[in-house]
Amino acid sequence: MISIGPYHHGCSNLQEGEKLKPLWANRIIVYSEQEPYILYQKIIRKIEYLRSCYDKEKFDHNDKKLTKMFLLDGCALLHLIHCFCSINQEDGLIDSNFTNHHVANIQQDLFLLENQIPFEVLKILSDDAKFQESDHMEEMIKDFITSMTTMARGKSGTKLNVDESEPSHLLDLLRGVLSGKLKRIGKQRLL
């Protein structure tokens, strides 16, 4: 349903989801009070590193195309995470006419290996974000990951204690939690 990253970018069977990504990306950019051009510049400055996260032979995107894709997909992903972690979590998804089944499928799609983008993209896009809530976007990402693991284990109200090692992508962060590499702590704030 949803394609994130270069592997399935532009696939004809995923065009329904592709139509929603600009709307979602725009919402998070407006909500976080950021300028798309500045975000684009931040990504293109690190494009060589971001490109090196993938097998060169699997895709042939030029720098501008890859930067636009990371900007669009990264912002859409952050919007989805924001929706899933907000008090009115489906506010941003209601006008898309999604059922609970669709929302569950989207959440699962976000953790497919082929849908991973470098965690660095999410950091670039959220570093200067200004949200009305007290949580920084990185905290929402951690909350999202924690909610995915606590649903399966029947626990709630935990935070992640992330050490110095940065995850490669969202799935790597989830793997770190499930494997015990990243520890869950009580409701205290992370430093």
C-alpha atoms as a PDB file:
ATOM      1  CA  MET A   1       0.000   0.000   0.000  1.00  0.00           C
ATOM      2  CA  ILE A   2       2.732   2.508   0.982  1.00  0.00           C
ATOM      3  CA  SER A   3       6.213   2.651  -0.532  1.00  0.00           C
ATOM      4  CA  ILE A   4       8.969   4.486   1.312  1.00  0.00           C
ATOM      5  CA  GLY A   5      12.472   4.805  -0.121  1.00  0.00           C
ATOM      6  CA  PRO A   6      14.038   4.043  -3.490  1.00  0.00           C
ATOM      7  CA  TYR A   7      13.376   0.328  -3.940  1.00  0.00           C
ATOM      8  CA  HIS A   8       9.705   0.552  -4.974  1.00  0.00           C
ATOM      9  CA  HIS A   9       9.712   4.241  -5.867  1.00  0.00           C
ATOM     10  CA  GLY A  10       7.428   4.825  -8.850  1.00  0.00           C
ATOM     11  CA  CYS A  11       5.963   1.292  -8.995  1.00  0.00           C
ATOM     12  CA  SER A  12       2.637   1.382 -10.818  1.00  0.00           C
ATOM     13  CA  ASN A  13       0.854  -0.853  -8.299  1.00  0.00           C
ATOM     14  CA  LEU A  14       1.662   1.589  -5.473  1.00  0.00           C
ATOM     15  CA  GLN A  15       0.389   4.786  -7.094  1.00  0.00           C
ATOM     16  CA  GLU A  16      -2.549   5.120  -4.682  1.00  0.00           C
ATOM     17  CA  GLY A  17      -0.129   5.628  -1.797  1.00  0.00           C
ATOM     18  CA  GLU A  18       2.126   7.860  -3.911  1.00  0.00           C
ATOM     19  CA  LYS A  19      -0.776  10.285  -4.366  1.00  0.00           C
ATOM     20  CA  LEU A  20      -1.089  10.722  -0.585  1.00  0.00           C
ATOM     21  CA  LYS A  21       2.570  11.335   0.198  1.00  0.00           C
ATOM     22  CA  PRO A  22       2.685  14.971  -1.038  1.00  0.00           C
ATOM     23  CA  LEU A  23      -0.353  15.791   1.133  1.00  0.00           C
ATOM     24  CA  TRP A  24       1.188  14.115   4.170  1.00  0.00           C
ATOM     25  CA  ALA A  25       4.607  15.671   3.553  1.00  0.00           C
ATOM     26  CA  ASN A  26       3.091  19.131   3.249  1.00  0.00           C
ATOM     27  CA  ARG A  27       1.174  18.684   6.498  1.00  0.00           C
ATOM     28  CA  ILE A  28       4.265  17.839   8.536  1.00  0.00           C
ATOM     29  CA  ILE A  29       6.273  20.656   6.912  1.00  0.00           C
ATOM     30  CA  VAL A  30       3.566  23.207   7.727  1.00  0.00           C
ATOM     31  CA  TYR A  31       2.919  21.770  11.183  1.00  0.00           C
ATOM     32  CA  SER A  32       6.624  21.760  12.064  1.00  0.00           C
ATOM     33  CA  GLU A  33       7.056  25.312  10.720  1.00  0.00           C
ATOM     34  CA  GLN A  34       9.848  24.437   8.296  1.00  0.00           C
ATOM     35  CA  GLU A  35      10.717  25.461   4.738  1.00  0.00           C
ATOM     36  CA  PRO A  36      10.876  22.718   2.084  1.00  0.00           C
ATOM     37  CA  TYR A  37      13.784  24.392   0.294  1.00  0.00           C
ATOM     38  CA  ILE A  38      15.899  24.444   3.459  1.00  0.00           C
ATOM     39  CA  LEU A  39      15.105  20.774   4.139  1.00  0.00           C
ATOM     40  CA  TYR A  40      16.018  19.952   0.520  1.00  0.00           C
ATOM     41  CA  GLN A  41      19.373  21.722   0.949  1.00  0.00           C
ATOM     42  CA  LYS A  42      20.120  19.846   4.167  1.00  0.00           C
ATOM     43  CA  ILE A  43      19.438  16.501   2.491  1.00  0.00           C
ATOM     44  CA  ILE A  44      21.396  17.214  -0.684  1.00  0.00           C
ATOM     45  CA  ARG A  45      24.445  18.176   1.423  1.00  0.00           C
ATOM     46  CA  LYS A  46      24.469  14.610   2.775  1.00  0.00           C
ATOM     47  CA  ILE A  47      23.306  12.825  -0.377  1.00  0.00           C
ATOM     48  CA  GLU A  48      26.546  10.898  -0.923  1.00  0.00           C
ATOM     49  CA  TYR A  49      26.352   9.412   2.567  1.00  0.00           C
ATOM     50  CA  LEU A  50      22.628   8.686   2.179  1.00  0.00           C
ATOM     51  CA  ARG A  51      23.228   7.048  -1.221  1.00  0.00           C
ATOM     52  CA  SER A  52      25.955   4.868   0.326  1.00  0.00           C
ATOM     53  CA  CYS A  53      23.308   3.301   2.584  1.00  0.00           C
ATOM     54  CA  TYR A  54      21.966   1.416  -0.456  1.00  0.00           C
ATOM     55  CA  ASP A  55      23.305  -1.049  -2.974  1.00  0.00           C
ATOM     56  CA  LYS A  56      24.442   1.101  -5.914  1.00  0.00           C
ATOM     57  CA  GLU A  57      23.321  -1.466  -8.477  1.00  0.00           C
ATOM     58  CA  LYS A  58      19.710  -1.556  -7.280  1.00  0.00           C
ATOM     59  CA  PHE A  59      18.732   1.931  -8.415  1.00  0.00           C
ATOM     60  CA  ASP A  60      19.993   4.705 -10.636  1.00  0.00           C
ATOM     61  CA  HIS A  61      18.532   7.872  -9.123  1.00  0.00           C
ATOM     62  CA  ASN A  62      20.486  11.073  -9.705  1.00  0.00           C
ATOM     63  CA  ASP A  63      21.209  13.338  -6.721  1.00  0.00           C
ATOM     64  CA  LYS A  64      18.260  15.682  -7.276  1.00  0.00           C
ATOM     65  CA  LYS A  65      15.756  12.864  -7.777  1.00  0.00           C
ATOM     66  CA  LEU A  66      17.057  10.977  -4.748  1.00  0.00           C
ATOM     67  CA  THR A  67      16.972  14.143  -2.611  1.00  0.00           C
ATOM     68  CA  LYS A  68      13.370  14.880  -3.630  1.00  0.00           C
ATOM     69  CA  MET A  69      12.396  11.287  -2.870  1.00  0.00           C
ATOM     70  CA  PHE A  70      14.025  11.414   0.584  1.00  0.00           C
ATOM     71  CA  LEU A  71      12.321  14.749   1.307  1.00  0.00           C
ATOM     72  CA  LEU A  72       8.881  13.532   0.207  1.00  0.00           C
ATOM     73  CA  ASP A  73       9.084  10.059   1.736  1.00  0.00           C
ATOM     74  CA  GLY A  74      10.789  11.201   4.932  1.00  0.00           C
ATOM     75  CA  CYS A  75       8.221  13.934   5.560  1.00  0.00           C
ATOM     76  CA  ALA A  76       5.338  11.571   4.763  1.00  0.00           C
ATOM     77  CA  LEU A  77       6.798   9.029   7.186  1.00  0.00           C
ATOM     78  CA  LEU A  78       7.176  11.647   9.915  1.00  0.00           C
ATOM     79  CA  HIS A  79       3.573  12.738   9.347  1.00  0.00           C
ATOM     80  CA  LEU A  80       2.376   9.153   9.773  1.00  0.00           C
ATOM     81  CA  ILE A  81       4.425   8.731  12.951  1.00  0.00           C
ATOM     82  CA  HIS A  82       3.062  12.038  14.243  1.00  0.00           C
ATOM     83  CA  CYS A  83      -0.503  10.853  13.521  1.00  0.00           C
ATOM     84  CA  PHE A  84       0.065   7.533  15.269  1.00  0.00           C
ATOM     85  CA  CYS A  85       1.569   9.232  18.348  1.00  0.00           C
ATOM     86  CA  SER A  86      -0.759  12.235  18.681  1.00  0.00           C
ATOM     87  CA  ILE A  87      -3.648  12.407  21.126  1.00  0.00           C
ATOM     88  CA  ASN A  88      -6.053  12.531  18.179  1.00  0.00           C
ATOM     89  CA  GLN A  89      -3.891  10.044  16.346  1.00  0.00           C
ATOM     90  CA  GLU A  90      -5.970   9.561  13.269  1.00  0.00           C
ATOM     91  CA  ASP A  91      -6.770  13.228  12.612  1.00  0.00           C
ATOM     92  CA  GLY A  92      -4.261  13.239   9.786  1.00  0.00           C
ATOM     93  CA  LEU A  93      -5.587  10.013   8.311  1.00  0.00           C
ATOM     94  CA  ILE A  94      -9.360  10.471   8.581  1.00  0.00           C
ATOM     95  CA  ASP A  95      -9.732  12.528   5.428  1.00  0.00           C
ATOM     96  CA  SER A  96      -7.959   9.754   3.542  1.00  0.00           C
ATOM     97  CA  ASN A  97     -10.938   7.449   4.259  1.00  0.00           C
ATOM     98  CA  PHE A  98      -8.763   4.792   5.878  1.00  0.00           C
ATOM     99  CA  THR A  99     -10.327   2.027   7.916  1.00  0.00           C
ATOM    100  CA  ASN A 100      -8.591   0.554  10.957  1.00  0.00           C
ATOM    101  CA  HIS A 101      -7.459  -2.250   8.641  1.00  0.00           C
ATOM    102  CA  HIS A 102      -5.790   0.281   6.316  1.00  0.00           C
ATOM    103  CA  VAL A 103      -4.074   2.004   9.245  1.00  0.00           C
ATOM    104  CA  ALA A 104      -2.740  -1.343  10.514  1.00  0.00           C
ATOM    105  CA  ASN A 105      -1.432  -2.180   7.033  1.00  0.00           C
ATOM    106  CA  ILE A 106       0.304   1.207   6.805  1.00  0.00           C
ATOM    107  CA  GLN A 107       1.966   0.617  10.179  1.00  0.00           C
ATOM    108  CA  GLN A 108       3.194  -2.774   8.966  1.00  0.00           C
ATOM    109  CA  ASP A 109       4.417  -1.324   5.656  1.00  0.00           C
ATOM    110  CA  LEU A 110       6.577   1.154   7.562  1.00  0.00           C
ATOM    111  CA  PHE A 111       8.610  -1.770   8.947  1.00  0.00           C
ATOM    112  CA  LEU A 112       9.213  -3.653   5.705  1.00  0.00           C
ATOM    113  CA  LEU A 113      12.946  -3.847   5.005  1.00  0.00           C
ATOM    114  CA  GLU A 114      12.506  -2.514   1.477  1.00  0.00           C
ATOM    115  CA  ASN A 115      10.644   0.530   2.881  1.00  0.00           C
ATOM    116  CA  GLN A 116      13.489   1.715   5.094  1.00  0.00           C
ATOM    117  CA  ILE A 117      15.215   5.050   4.603  1.00  0.00           C
ATOM    118  CA  PRO A 118      18.336   6.072   6.526  1.00  0.00           C
ATOM    119  CA  PHE A 119      17.576   7.259  10.045  1.00  0.00           C
ATOM    120  CA  GLU A 120      19.775  10.248   9.206  1.00  0.00           C
ATOM    121  CA  VAL A 121      17.012  11.492   6.851  1.00  0.00           C
ATOM    122  CA  LEU A 122      14.508  11.506   9.713  1.00  0.00           C
ATOM    123  CA  LYS A 123      16.987  13.369  11.914  1.00  0.00           C
ATOM    124  CA  ILE A 124      17.645  15.978   9.212  1.00  0.00           C
ATOM    125  CA  LEU A 125      13.925  16.534   8.726  1.00  0.00           C
ATOM    126  CA  SER A 126      13.130  16.764  12.427  1.00  0.00           C
ATOM    127  CA  ASP A 127      16.172  18.605  13.858  1.00  0.00           C
ATOM    128  CA  ASP A 128      14.747  22.123  13.483  1.00  0.00           C
ATOM    129  CA  ALA A 129      11.069  21.189  13.649  1.00  0.00           C
ATOM    130  CA  LYS A 130       8.887  23.281  15.937  1.00  0.00           C
ATOM    131  CA  PHE A 131       5.897  21.390  17.254  1.00  0.00           C
ATOM    132  CA  GLN A 132       3.109  22.590  19.490  1.00  0.00           C
ATOM    133  CA  GLU A 133       3.507  19.517  21.661  1.00  0.00           C
ATOM    134  CA  SER A 134       6.417  19.394  24.047  1.00  0.00           C
ATOM    135  CA  ASP A 135       7.858  16.277  22.423  1.00  0.00           C
ATOM    136  CA  HIS A 136      10.532  16.623  19.803  1.00  0.00           C
ATOM    137  CA  MET A 137       9.972  14.504  16.678  1.00  0.00           C
ATOM    138  CA  GLU A 138      12.744  12.131  17.725  1.00  0.00           C
ATOM    139  CA  GLU A 139      10.783  11.456  20.933  1.00  0.00           C
ATOM    140  CA  MET A 140       7.680  10.715  18.835  1.00  0.00           C
ATOM    141  CA  ILE A 141       9.678   8.240  16.752  1.00  0.00           C
ATOM    142  CA  LYS A 142      10.784   6.489  19.937  1.00  0.00           C
ATOM    143  CA  ASP A 143       7.193   6.540  21.238  1.00  0.00           C
ATOM    144  CA  PHE A 144       5.993   5.049  17.953  1.00  0.00           C
ATOM    145  CA  ILE A 145       8.554   2.230  18.163  1.00  0.00           C
ATOM    146  CA  THR A 146       7.710   1.629  21.812  1.00  0.00           C
ATOM    147  CA  SER A 147       3.986   1.484  21.019  1.00  0.00           C
ATOM    148  CA  MET A 148       4.658  -1.163  18.378  1.00  0.00           C
ATOM    149  CA  THR A 149       6.521  -3.334  20.883  1.00  0.00           C
ATOM    150  CA  THR A 150       4.218  -2.726  23.847  1.00  0.00           C
ATOM    151  CA  MET A 151       1.122  -3.729  21.898  1.00  0.00           C
ATOM    152  CA  ALA A 152       2.625  -7.167  21.418  1.00  0.00           C
ATOM    153  CA  ARG A 153       3.784  -7.500  25.025  1.00  0.00           C
ATOM    154  CA  GLY A 154       0.801  -5.885  26.734  1.00  0.00           C
ATOM    155  CA  LYS A 155       2.846  -3.150  28.422  1.00  0.00           C
ATOM    156  CA  SER A 156       2.484   0.578  28.084  1.00  0.00           C
ATOM    157  CA  GLY A 157       3.877   3.867  29.308  1.00  0.00           C
ATOM    158  CA  THR A 158       7.536   3.157  28.589  1.00  0.00           C
ATOM    159  CA  LYS A 159      10.240   5.228  26.913  1.00  0.00           C
ATOM    160  CA  LEU A 160      13.384   4.162  25.082  1.00  0.00           C
ATOM    161  CA  ASN A 161      16.814   4.693  26.520  1.00  0.00           C
ATOM    162  CA  VAL A 162      18.916   4.973  23.377  1.00  0.00           C
ATOM    163  CA  ASP A 163      22.665   4.775  23.832  1.00  0.00           C
ATOM    164  CA  GLU A 164      25.283   6.432  21.638  1.00  0.00           C
ATOM    165  CA  SER A 165      24.779   4.109  18.671  1.00  0.00           C
ATOM    166  CA  GLU A 166      22.330   5.495  16.153  1.00  0.00           C
ATOM    167  CA  PRO A 167      20.014   3.076  14.364  1.00  0.00           C
ATOM    168  CA  SER A 168      20.419   2.629  10.610  1.00  0.00           C
ATOM    169  CA  HIS A 169      16.691   3.030  10.027  1.00  0.00           C
ATOM    170  CA  LEU A 170      13.296   2.630  11.696  1.00  0.00           C
ATOM    171  CA  LEU A 171      13.356  -1.172  11.461  1.00  0.00           C
ATOM    172  CA  ASP A 172      16.809  -1.239  13.071  1.00  0.00           C
ATOM    173  CA  LEU A 173      15.438   0.815  15.964  1.00  0.00           C
ATOM    174  CA  LEU A 174      12.580  -1.671  16.384  1.00  0.00           C
ATOM    175  CA  ARG A 175      15.014  -4.590  16.201  1.00  0.00           C
ATOM    176  CA  GLY A 176      17.141  -2.946  18.890  1.00  0.00           C
ATOM    177  CA  VAL A 177      14.159  -2.758  21.222  1.00  0.00           C
ATOM    178  CA  LEU A 178      13.006  -6.312  20.556  1.00  0.00           C
ATOM    179  CA  SER A 179      16.506  -7.758  20.957  1.00  0.00           C
ATOM    180  CA  GLY A 180      17.071  -5.889  24.229  1.00  0.00           C
ATOM    181  CA  LYS A 181      19.897  -3.773  22.775  1.00  0.00           C
ATOM    182  CA  LEU A 182      17.862  -0.650  23.555  1.00  0.00           C
ATOM    183  CA  LYS A 183      16.379  -0.606  27.004  1.00  0.00           C
ATOM    184  CA  ARG A 184      12.884   0.481  27.924  1.00  0.00           C
ATOM    185  CA  ILE A 185      12.674   2.676  30.983  1.00  0.00           C
ATOM    186  CA  GLY A 186       9.746   4.008  32.991  1.00  0.00           C
ATOM    187  CA  LYS A 187       7.850   7.201  32.199  1.00  0.00           C
ATOM    188  CA  GLN A 188      10.897   9.348  32.897  1.00  0.00           C
ATOM    189  CA  ARG A 189      12.165  11.732  30.231  1.00  0.00           C
ATOM    190  CA  LEU A 190      15.218  10.819  28.192  1.00  0.00           C
ATOM    191  CA  LEU A 191      18.271  13.047  28.397  1.00  0.00           C
END
